[in-house]
Amino acid sequence: MPDRTQNLGLNQWAATDYVRREDFNEDNAKIDAVMGSLHHFPLAEFTTTAAQSRLEIDVSSVDWSAYRSVCVELAFRVSATGRVCVRANTPDAYNSGHYAELFANLVTELGLADLSGFSTNIDARLTLYPYKRAGYTLNSFCERAATFPCWGRHPTLTFAELTKLYIVPETAGVTILSGASVKVWGEK
């Protein structure tokens, strides 16, 4: 009789144990049940090792039709206070192509997030809501300590067209300092 793992009770055979196909099927069923019950799936994670003029987050491999929401957790420091924006598909403002400035200006509906504030420490969560439909137009919710939460929506850009998110300081001379942390995870 094989030993069992502590958490799932999976088989662990010794060299002298008799291995049965049923044991593998039982283990596979246990793993599948646990994986099916998970709601949060890591999609990307990185920490910068040098100061940057902007952060680039590649989301081109995300299957937007598989997730109800996709969260981008940001924790970083900037060299000085100033305006910091989250943009879709281009780091440049007012690009005539597929452009979305995520909550960059609360007066317009083109924004997804404005991370500006009176502090050089930025901790924020940007949640994108494809609702398992890649053809939905971009919409998001941004939460940040010390500021009120904001909704954003792009009138034409769909999740299927979204390939990159950019975190961009707009104030001249402001950089994102080393040690910036980005975590992206999907919720089914």
C-alpha atoms as a PDB file:
ATOM      1  CA  MET A   1       0.000   0.000   0.000  1.00  0.00           C
ATOM      2  CA  PRO A   2       1.536   3.364  -1.037  1.00  0.00           C
ATOM      3  CA  ASP A   3       2.013   6.287   1.326  1.00  0.00           C
ATOM      4  CA  ARG A   4      -0.232   9.340   0.781  1.00  0.00           C
ATOM      5  CA  THR A   5       0.526  13.038   0.424  1.00  0.00           C
ATOM      6  CA  GLN A   6      -0.628  15.258   3.282  1.00  0.00           C
ATOM      7  CA  ASN A   7      -2.994  17.643   1.474  1.00  0.00           C
ATOM      8  CA  LEU A   8      -4.762  15.644  -1.217  1.00  0.00           C
ATOM      9  CA  GLY A   9      -3.984  12.097  -0.201  1.00  0.00           C
ATOM     10  CA  LEU A  10      -2.243  11.331  -3.492  1.00  0.00           C
ATOM     11  CA  ASN A  11      -0.365   8.085  -3.868  1.00  0.00           C
ATOM     12  CA  GLN A  12       3.368   7.989  -3.194  1.00  0.00           C
ATOM     13  CA  TRP A  13       4.827   4.639  -4.073  1.00  0.00           C
ATOM     14  CA  ALA A  14       7.962   3.045  -2.729  1.00  0.00           C
ATOM     15  CA  ALA A  15      10.173   1.086  -5.111  1.00  0.00           C
ATOM     16  CA  THR A  16       8.653  -2.195  -3.851  1.00  0.00           C
ATOM     17  CA  ASP A  17       4.960  -1.108  -4.113  1.00  0.00           C
ATOM     18  CA  TYR A  18       2.631  -2.563  -6.729  1.00  0.00           C
ATOM     19  CA  VAL A  19       1.403   0.321  -8.955  1.00  0.00           C
ATOM     20  CA  ARG A  20      -2.201   0.111 -10.184  1.00  0.00           C
ATOM     21  CA  ARG A  21      -3.942   2.108 -12.916  1.00  0.00           C
ATOM     22  CA  GLU A  22      -6.845   2.739 -10.522  1.00  0.00           C
ATOM     23  CA  ASP A  23      -4.455   4.588  -8.195  1.00  0.00           C
ATOM     24  CA  PHE A  24      -3.517   6.984 -11.011  1.00  0.00           C
ATOM     25  CA  ASN A  25      -7.169   7.515 -11.947  1.00  0.00           C
ATOM     26  CA  GLU A  26      -8.040   8.240  -8.301  1.00  0.00           C
ATOM     27  CA  ASP A  27      -5.174  10.752  -8.023  1.00  0.00           C
ATOM     28  CA  ASN A  28      -6.135  12.437 -11.307  1.00  0.00           C
ATOM     29  CA  ALA A  29      -9.740  12.810 -10.138  1.00  0.00           C
ATOM     30  CA  LYS A  30      -8.576  14.446  -6.875  1.00  0.00           C
ATOM     31  CA  ILE A  31      -6.318  16.886  -8.714  1.00  0.00           C
ATOM     32  CA  ASP A  32      -9.021  17.724 -11.249  1.00  0.00           C
ATOM     33  CA  ALA A  33     -11.571  18.401  -8.487  1.00  0.00           C
ATOM     34  CA  VAL A  34      -9.215  20.784  -6.683  1.00  0.00           C
ATOM     35  CA  MET A  35      -8.183  22.596  -9.861  1.00  0.00           C
ATOM     36  CA  GLY A  36     -11.804  22.977 -10.925  1.00  0.00           C
ATOM     37  CA  SER A  37     -12.666  24.597  -7.619  1.00  0.00           C
ATOM     38  CA  LEU A  38      -9.979  27.278  -7.935  1.00  0.00           C
ATOM     39  CA  HIS A  39     -11.230  30.698  -8.935  1.00  0.00           C
ATOM     40  CA  HIS A  40      -8.013  32.682  -9.225  1.00  0.00           C
ATOM     41  CA  PHE A  41      -5.483  31.753 -11.863  1.00  0.00           C
ATOM     42  CA  PRO A  42      -2.086  33.486 -12.020  1.00  0.00           C
ATOM     43  CA  LEU A  43      -1.434  34.930 -15.481  1.00  0.00           C
ATOM     44  CA  ALA A  44       1.724  37.032 -15.014  1.00  0.00           C
ATOM     45  CA  GLU A  45       3.985  38.312 -12.279  1.00  0.00           C
ATOM     46  CA  PHE A  46       7.172  40.347 -12.280  1.00  0.00           C
ATOM     47  CA  THR A  47       9.249  42.752 -10.217  1.00  0.00           C
ATOM     48  CA  THR A  48      11.493  45.337 -11.835  1.00  0.00           C
ATOM     49  CA  THR A  49      15.182  45.444 -10.975  1.00  0.00           C
ATOM     50  CA  ALA A  50      15.908  48.944 -12.314  1.00  0.00           C
ATOM     51  CA  ALA A  51      14.171  52.311 -12.580  1.00  0.00           C
ATOM     52  CA  GLN A  52      11.898  52.563 -15.614  1.00  0.00           C
ATOM     53  CA  SER A  53      10.255  55.321 -17.608  1.00  0.00           C
ATOM     54  CA  ARG A  54       7.139  53.104 -17.800  1.00  0.00           C
ATOM     55  CA  LEU A  55       5.940  49.566 -17.057  1.00  0.00           C
ATOM     56  CA  GLU A  56       4.764  47.322 -19.892  1.00  0.00           C
ATOM     57  CA  ILE A  57       2.423  44.430 -19.106  1.00  0.00           C
ATOM     58  CA  ASP A  58       1.924  41.907 -21.910  1.00  0.00           C
ATOM     59  CA  VAL A  59      -1.636  40.552 -21.873  1.00  0.00           C
ATOM     60  CA  SER A  60      -1.630  39.224 -25.441  1.00  0.00           C
ATOM     61  CA  SER A  61      -1.782  35.598 -24.272  1.00  0.00           C
ATOM     62  CA  VAL A  62      -4.810  36.094 -21.995  1.00  0.00           C
ATOM     63  CA  ASP A  63      -7.875  34.199 -23.207  1.00  0.00           C
ATOM     64  CA  TRP A  64     -10.420  36.862 -22.268  1.00  0.00           C
ATOM     65  CA  SER A  65     -13.304  34.488 -22.997  1.00  0.00           C
ATOM     66  CA  ALA A  66     -12.129  32.246 -20.132  1.00  0.00           C
ATOM     67  CA  TYR A  67     -12.361  34.854 -17.347  1.00  0.00           C
ATOM     68  CA  ARG A  68     -15.116  36.794 -15.660  1.00  0.00           C
ATOM     69  CA  SER A  69     -12.527  39.326 -14.515  1.00  0.00           C
ATOM     70  CA  VAL A  70      -8.779  39.899 -14.728  1.00  0.00           C
ATOM     71  CA  CYS A  71      -7.031  41.781 -11.924  1.00  0.00           C
ATOM     72  CA  VAL A  72      -3.796  43.732 -12.225  1.00  0.00           C
ATOM     73  CA  GLU A  73      -2.243  44.422  -8.825  1.00  0.00           C
ATOM     74  CA  LEU A  74       0.354  47.196  -8.823  1.00  0.00           C
ATOM     75  CA  ALA A  75       2.759  48.186  -6.072  1.00  0.00           C
ATOM     76  CA  PHE A  76       5.484  50.678  -6.904  1.00  0.00           C
ATOM     77  CA  ARG A  77       7.144  53.954  -6.025  1.00  0.00           C
ATOM     78  CA  VAL A  78       7.722  56.897  -8.312  1.00  0.00           C
ATOM     79  CA  SER A  79      10.582  59.382  -8.093  1.00  0.00           C
ATOM     80  CA  ALA A  80       8.228  62.322  -7.414  1.00  0.00           C
ATOM     81  CA  THR A  81       4.526  63.016  -7.148  1.00  0.00           C
ATOM     82  CA  GLY A  82       2.718  63.488 -10.418  1.00  0.00           C
ATOM     83  CA  ARG A  83       0.221  61.991 -12.792  1.00  0.00           C
ATOM     84  CA  VAL A  84       0.567  58.262 -13.519  1.00  0.00           C
ATOM     85  CA  CYS A  85      -1.780  56.642 -16.053  1.00  0.00           C
ATOM     86  CA  VAL A  86      -2.646  53.143 -17.170  1.00  0.00           C
ATOM     87  CA  ARG A  87      -3.035  52.881 -20.936  1.00  0.00           C
ATOM     88  CA  ALA A  88      -4.051  50.120 -23.307  1.00  0.00           C
ATOM     89  CA  ASN A  89      -1.993  49.029 -26.337  1.00  0.00           C
ATOM     90  CA  THR A  90       0.196  52.140 -26.507  1.00  0.00           C
ATOM     91  CA  PRO A  91       2.225  54.130 -23.995  1.00  0.00           C
ATOM     92  CA  ASP A  92       1.495  57.329 -25.929  1.00  0.00           C
ATOM     93  CA  ALA A  93      -1.450  59.574 -25.129  1.00  0.00           C
ATOM     94  CA  TYR A  94      -4.011  60.428 -27.783  1.00  0.00           C
ATOM     95  CA  ASN A  95      -2.833  57.872 -30.298  1.00  0.00           C
ATOM     96  CA  SER A  96      -5.289  57.528 -33.168  1.00  0.00           C
ATOM     97  CA  GLY A  97      -5.008  53.728 -33.097  1.00  0.00           C
ATOM     98  CA  HIS A  98      -6.279  51.403 -30.390  1.00  0.00           C
ATOM     99  CA  TYR A  99      -5.849  53.659 -27.429  1.00  0.00           C
ATOM    100  CA  ALA A 100      -7.426  53.740 -24.046  1.00  0.00           C
ATOM    101  CA  GLU A 101      -6.302  55.858 -21.170  1.00  0.00           C
ATOM    102  CA  LEU A 102      -7.604  53.912 -18.243  1.00  0.00           C
ATOM    103  CA  PHE A 103      -9.213  56.389 -15.825  1.00  0.00           C
ATOM    104  CA  ALA A 104      -6.660  59.010 -16.792  1.00  0.00           C
ATOM    105  CA  ASN A 105      -9.239  61.743 -16.785  1.00  0.00           C
ATOM    106  CA  LEU A 106     -12.412  61.226 -14.786  1.00  0.00           C
ATOM    107  CA  VAL A 107     -14.257  63.650 -17.047  1.00  0.00           C
ATOM    108  CA  THR A 108     -13.873  61.441 -20.115  1.00  0.00           C
ATOM    109  CA  GLU A 109     -15.046  57.874 -20.622  1.00  0.00           C
ATOM    110  CA  LEU A 110     -11.853  56.929 -22.474  1.00  0.00           C
ATOM    111  CA  GLY A 111      -9.911  56.278 -19.297  1.00  0.00           C
ATOM    112  CA  LEU A 112      -9.235  53.045 -17.412  1.00  0.00           C
ATOM    113  CA  ALA A 113      -7.143  54.328 -14.488  1.00  0.00           C
ATOM    114  CA  ASP A 114      -5.445  57.404 -13.107  1.00  0.00           C
ATOM    115  CA  LEU A 115      -3.027  56.400 -10.371  1.00  0.00           C
ATOM    116  CA  SER A 116      -2.059  59.982  -9.562  1.00  0.00           C
ATOM    117  CA  GLY A 117      -1.923  61.224  -6.037  1.00  0.00           C
ATOM    118  CA  PHE A 118      -0.035  63.129  -3.422  1.00  0.00           C
ATOM    119  CA  SER A 119       2.267  60.233  -2.565  1.00  0.00           C
ATOM    120  CA  THR A 120       5.196  58.574  -4.284  1.00  0.00           C
ATOM    121  CA  ASN A 121       3.926  55.140  -3.138  1.00  0.00           C
ATOM    122  CA  ILE A 122       1.325  53.592  -5.410  1.00  0.00           C
ATOM    123  CA  ASP A 123      -0.664  50.496  -4.454  1.00  0.00           C
ATOM    124  CA  ALA A 124      -3.591  49.880  -6.769  1.00  0.00           C
ATOM    125  CA  ARG A 125      -5.765  47.173  -8.248  1.00  0.00           C
ATOM    126  CA  LEU A 126      -7.138  47.530 -11.741  1.00  0.00           C
ATOM    127  CA  THR A 127      -9.867  44.992 -12.468  1.00  0.00           C
ATOM    128  CA  LEU A 128     -10.891  44.404 -16.074  1.00  0.00           C
ATOM    129  CA  TYR A 129     -14.304  42.830 -16.719  1.00  0.00           C
ATOM    130  CA  PRO A 130     -14.541  40.821 -19.954  1.00  0.00           C
ATOM    131  CA  TYR A 131     -17.357  38.670 -18.461  1.00  0.00           C
ATOM    132  CA  LYS A 132     -16.007  35.726 -20.494  1.00  0.00           C
ATOM    133  CA  ARG A 133     -16.610  37.629 -23.743  1.00  0.00           C
ATOM    134  CA  ALA A 134     -13.525  38.661 -25.711  1.00  0.00           C
ATOM    135  CA  GLY A 135     -15.702  40.862 -27.939  1.00  0.00           C
ATOM    136  CA  TYR A 136     -16.782  43.105 -25.036  1.00  0.00           C
ATOM    137  CA  THR A 137     -15.434  46.641 -25.069  1.00  0.00           C
ATOM    138  CA  LEU A 138     -12.844  47.426 -22.412  1.00  0.00           C
ATOM    139  CA  ASN A 139     -14.262  48.281 -19.021  1.00  0.00           C
ATOM    140  CA  SER A 140     -12.533  48.405 -15.683  1.00  0.00           C
ATOM    141  CA  PHE A 141     -12.652  49.347 -12.033  1.00  0.00           C
ATOM    142  CA  CYS A 142      -9.672  50.873 -10.250  1.00  0.00           C
ATOM    143  CA  GLU A 143      -9.159  50.842  -6.492  1.00  0.00           C
ATOM    144  CA  ARG A 144      -6.399  52.727  -4.778  1.00  0.00           C
ATOM    145  CA  ALA A 145      -5.820  53.571  -1.158  1.00  0.00           C
ATOM    146  CA  ALA A 146      -6.270  57.262  -0.381  1.00  0.00           C
ATOM    147  CA  THR A 147      -8.437  57.944  -3.440  1.00  0.00           C
ATOM    148  CA  PHE A 148     -11.948  57.019  -4.414  1.00  0.00           C
ATOM    149  CA  PRO A 149     -12.564  54.035  -6.725  1.00  0.00           C
ATOM    150  CA  CYS A 150     -13.328  54.716 -10.377  1.00  0.00           C
ATOM    151  CA  TRP A 151     -15.003  52.952 -13.281  1.00  0.00           C
ATOM    152  CA  GLY A 152     -13.629  53.281 -16.797  1.00  0.00           C
ATOM    153  CA  ARG A 153     -14.814  52.194 -20.224  1.00  0.00           C
ATOM    154  CA  HIS A 154     -13.462  52.462 -23.740  1.00  0.00           C
ATOM    155  CA  PRO A 155     -16.143  53.008 -26.401  1.00  0.00           C
ATOM    156  CA  THR A 156     -14.607  50.833 -29.145  1.00  0.00           C
ATOM    157  CA  LEU A 157     -11.540  48.826 -28.029  1.00  0.00           C
ATOM    158  CA  THR A 158     -12.463  45.205 -27.246  1.00  0.00           C
ATOM    159  CA  PHE A 159     -10.701  42.739 -24.963  1.00  0.00           C
ATOM    160  CA  ALA A 160      -9.812  40.645 -28.020  1.00  0.00           C
ATOM    161  CA  GLU A 161      -7.834  43.643 -29.324  1.00  0.00           C
ATOM    162  CA  LEU A 162      -6.046  44.310 -26.019  1.00  0.00           C
ATOM    163  CA  THR A 163      -2.393  43.219 -26.121  1.00  0.00           C
ATOM    164  CA  LYS A 164      -0.538  45.416 -23.621  1.00  0.00           C
ATOM    165  CA  LEU A 165      -1.144  47.602 -20.604  1.00  0.00           C
ATOM    166  CA  TYR A 166       1.254  50.455 -19.894  1.00  0.00           C
ATOM    167  CA  ILE A 167       1.829  52.220 -16.574  1.00  0.00           C
ATOM    168  CA  VAL A 168       3.090  55.651 -17.610  1.00  0.00           C
ATOM    169  CA  PRO A 169       4.180  58.638 -15.501  1.00  0.00           C
ATOM    170  CA  GLU A 170       3.017  61.754 -17.345  1.00  0.00           C
ATOM    171  CA  THR A 171       4.837  64.307 -15.252  1.00  0.00           C
ATOM    172  CA  ALA A 172       8.188  65.279 -16.794  1.00  0.00           C
ATOM    173  CA  GLY A 173      11.152  63.680 -15.063  1.00  0.00           C
ATOM    174  CA  VAL A 174       9.111  61.199 -13.004  1.00  0.00           C
ATOM    175  CA  THR A 175      10.254  57.576 -13.205  1.00  0.00           C
ATOM    176  CA  ILE A 176       9.040  54.315 -11.720  1.00  0.00           C
ATOM    177  CA  LEU A 177      11.652  53.178  -9.211  1.00  0.00           C
ATOM    178  CA  SER A 178      13.277  49.760  -9.003  1.00  0.00           C
ATOM    179  CA  GLY A 179      11.270  47.084  -7.187  1.00  0.00           C
ATOM    180  CA  ALA A 180       7.923  47.744  -8.890  1.00  0.00           C
ATOM    181  CA  SER A 181       5.665  44.700  -8.473  1.00  0.00           C
ATOM    182  CA  VAL A 182       2.999  43.613 -10.944  1.00  0.00           C
ATOM    183  CA  LYS A 183       0.686  40.617 -10.497  1.00  0.00           C
ATOM    184  CA  VAL A 184      -1.984  39.641 -13.011  1.00  0.00           C
ATOM    185  CA  TRP A 185      -4.554  36.952 -12.243  1.00  0.00           C
ATOM    186  CA  GLY A 186      -7.812  35.810 -13.759  1.00  0.00           C
ATOM    187  CA  GLU A 187     -11.047  34.934 -12.006  1.00  0.00           C
ATOM    188  CA  LYS A 188     -13.372  32.426 -13.635  1.00  0.00           C
END
